[in-house]
Amino acid sequence: MQATIATRKPVDELTASDLDAFPVWEFAMDEEEVEEQDETWVRPVPTSEVPADGFSLSVAAVLKLANGRVYPGVMFCDTHAGLDIAAVALLTTGGRVLFSKNDSPSEIRRSLKRLGLGRQHVFPLDFCTRVPLARTGILERGTFNSSHA
């Protein structure tokens, strides 16, 4: 699939299929004048690696909960100084479930309730990017925790 103006969409509408076709997305800030687009819209980055100098990227990942369940997901990150992850979203059959580093305890409870799981079943959450980082040439693996998890 080619990246065209038709591949743009709001970031909260990214699907597992979108991330299969294009594993890295960026905000389309320079396209806000396009009718019906705003600052929440993203576009695919035509690359097979996570750029080394990316800002506000959405990167395809595999997310594994503490209980062993595995979900397709997306990591929201910057790569200027390594991989700085601000949030992750699990792409479930019931929709996107977002966890941010700065979630309040009540936001975490709401997200856990959507999953039907307790905190101990979700955190720590392991991740692996679906494409390598340009800086290292390898898939990035690690653990994500909300500050209140």
Protein backbone atom coordinates (compact mmCIF):
# COMPACT_ATOMS: atom_id res chain seq x y z
CA MET A 1 0.00 0.00 0.00
CA GLN A 2 1.19 3.50 -0.81
CA ALA A 3 1.16 6.33 1.71
CA THR A 4 -1.26 8.92 0.30
CA ILE A 5 -3.49 11.65 1.67
CA ALA A 6 -6.13 8.91 2.05
CA THR A 7 -3.95 7.05 4.57
CA ARG A 8 -4.18 9.93 7.09
CA LYS A 9 -6.44 9.45 10.10
CA PRO A 10 -6.90 10.49 13.73
CA VAL A 11 -4.30 8.80 15.93
CA ASP A 12 -6.97 7.20 18.12
CA GLU A 13 -8.34 5.40 15.04
CA LEU A 14 -5.14 3.49 14.21
CA THR A 15 -5.89 -0.22 13.86
CA ALA A 16 -3.79 -3.37 13.88
CA SER A 17 -4.23 -3.47 10.07
CA ASP A 18 -2.92 0.10 9.74
CA LEU A 19 0.14 -0.86 11.80
CA ASP A 20 0.66 -4.00 9.70
CA ALA A 21 0.73 -1.89 6.54
CA PHE A 22 2.81 0.92 8.08
CA PRO A 23 4.50 0.18 11.42
CA VAL A 24 5.56 3.81 12.05
CA TRP A 25 3.27 6.87 11.99
CA GLU A 26 3.89 10.56 12.67
CA PHE A 27 1.64 13.52 13.36
CA ALA A 28 0.74 15.40 10.16
CA MET A 29 1.21 18.85 11.71
CA ASP A 30 2.06 20.44 8.38
CA GLU A 31 -1.26 19.25 6.90
CA GLU A 32 -3.67 20.83 9.38
CA GLU A 33 -5.01 23.10 6.64
CA VAL A 34 -6.38 20.03 4.83
CA GLU A 35 -10.15 20.00 5.24
CA GLU A 36 -11.37 17.85 8.15
CA GLN A 37 -7.83 17.23 9.48
CA ASP A 38 -6.60 18.62 12.78
CA GLU A 39 -3.65 18.19 15.15
CA THR A 40 -4.75 14.65 16.06
CA TRP A 41 -4.19 13.27 12.54
CA VAL A 42 -1.26 11.02 11.74
CA ARG A 43 0.31 9.79 8.53
CA PRO A 44 2.42 6.71 7.79
CA VAL A 45 6.18 7.06 7.67
CA PRO A 46 7.46 5.09 4.63
CA THR A 47 10.22 3.22 6.48
CA SER A 48 11.00 -0.24 7.81
CA GLU A 49 12.78 1.20 10.88
CA VAL A 50 11.87 3.53 13.73
CA PRO A 51 13.63 6.82 12.83
CA ALA A 52 16.47 7.86 15.14
CA ASP A 53 15.27 11.45 15.44
CA GLY A 54 11.51 11.00 15.61
CA PHE A 55 9.16 13.21 17.57
CA SER A 56 5.67 12.04 18.63
CA LEU A 57 5.82 8.77 16.74
CA SER A 58 3.24 5.99 16.86
CA VAL A 59 5.10 2.68 16.55
CA ALA A 60 3.67 -0.81 16.09
CA ALA A 61 4.46 -3.13 18.99
CA VAL A 62 3.61 -6.44 20.55
CA LEU A 63 2.43 -5.91 24.13
CA LYS A 64 2.51 -8.70 26.72
CA LEU A 65 0.63 -8.27 29.98
CA ALA A 66 1.93 -9.57 33.31
CA ASN A 67 -0.60 -12.44 33.07
CA GLY A 68 0.89 -13.56 29.73
CA ARG A 69 -1.84 -12.24 27.41
CA VAL A 70 -0.41 -10.76 24.21
CA TYR A 71 -1.98 -7.91 22.23
CA PRO A 72 -1.09 -5.98 19.11
CA GLY A 73 -0.44 -2.43 20.15
CA VAL A 74 1.04 0.94 19.49
CA MET A 75 3.67 2.83 21.46
CA PHE A 76 3.63 6.64 21.51
CA CYS A 77 7.23 7.75 21.71
CA ASP A 78 10.10 10.06 20.84
CA THR A 79 13.48 8.79 19.67
CA HIS A 80 15.74 11.85 19.88
CA ALA A 81 17.59 10.50 22.93
CA GLY A 82 16.87 6.78 22.80
CA LEU A 83 13.35 5.42 23.03
CA ASP A 84 11.20 7.60 25.32
CA ILE A 85 7.74 6.04 25.63
CA ALA A 86 4.93 8.32 26.79
CA ALA A 87 2.07 5.83 26.41
CA VAL A 88 1.01 2.48 24.99
CA ALA A 89 -2.32 1.36 23.59
CA LEU A 90 -3.52 -2.22 23.47
CA LEU A 91 -5.60 -2.87 20.37
CA THR A 92 -8.32 -5.19 21.65
CA THR A 93 -11.44 -6.54 19.96
CA GLY A 94 -13.37 -4.07 22.14
CA GLY A 95 -11.29 -1.09 21.03
CA ARG A 96 -8.15 0.72 22.07
CA VAL A 97 -7.09 0.65 25.74
CA LEU A 98 -4.57 3.38 26.53
CA PHE A 99 -2.05 3.51 29.38
CA SER A 100 0.07 6.64 29.82
CA LYS A 101 3.08 7.29 32.05
CA ASN A 102 1.13 10.15 33.60
CA ASP A 103 -2.23 8.43 34.13
CA SER A 104 -4.00 9.23 37.37
CA PRO A 105 -5.07 6.29 39.55
CA SER A 106 -8.66 6.75 38.35
CA GLU A 107 -7.60 6.70 34.67
CA ILE A 108 -5.70 3.46 35.29
CA ARG A 109 -8.74 1.94 37.03
CA ARG A 110 -10.95 2.88 34.05
CA SER A 111 -8.53 1.24 31.59
CA LEU A 112 -8.17 -1.87 33.77
CA LYS A 113 -11.97 -2.10 34.00
CA ARG A 114 -12.21 -2.01 30.18
CA LEU A 115 -9.84 -4.99 30.10
CA GLY A 116 -11.67 -6.73 32.94
CA LEU A 117 -8.34 -7.25 34.73
CA GLY A 118 -6.64 -6.19 37.92
CA ARG A 119 -3.46 -4.15 38.06
CA GLN A 120 -1.34 -7.22 38.91
CA HIS A 121 -2.56 -8.94 35.71
CA VAL A 122 -1.45 -6.06 33.48
CA PHE A 123 1.69 -4.51 35.00
CA PRO A 124 4.52 -4.69 34.38
CA LEU A 125 3.65 -4.67 30.68
CA ASP A 126 6.39 -5.94 28.34
CA PHE A 127 6.80 -4.53 24.83
CA CYS A 128 8.68 -5.32 21.65
CA THR A 129 8.67 -3.03 18.62
CA ARG A 130 7.59 -4.68 15.37
CA VAL A 131 10.37 -2.97 13.43
CA PRO A 132 13.96 -2.23 14.48
CA LEU A 133 15.21 1.11 15.69
CA ALA A 134 17.35 2.84 13.06
CA ARG A 135 19.87 3.77 15.77
CA THR A 136 20.55 0.13 16.76
CA GLY A 137 19.22 -1.98 13.91
CA ILE A 138 17.39 -4.26 16.36
CA LEU A 139 13.90 -4.60 17.79
CA GLU A 140 13.52 -2.68 21.04
CA ARG A 141 12.30 -4.69 24.03
CA GLY A 142 11.46 -3.43 27.48
CA THR A 143 8.90 -2.86 30.16
CA PHE A 144 6.27 -0.14 30.44
CA ASN A 145 4.72 1.00 33.71
CA SER A 146 2.37 3.85 34.38
CA SER A 147 3.68 6.11 37.14
CA HIS A 148 0.78 4.93 39.35
CA ALA A 149 0.81 1.26 38.34
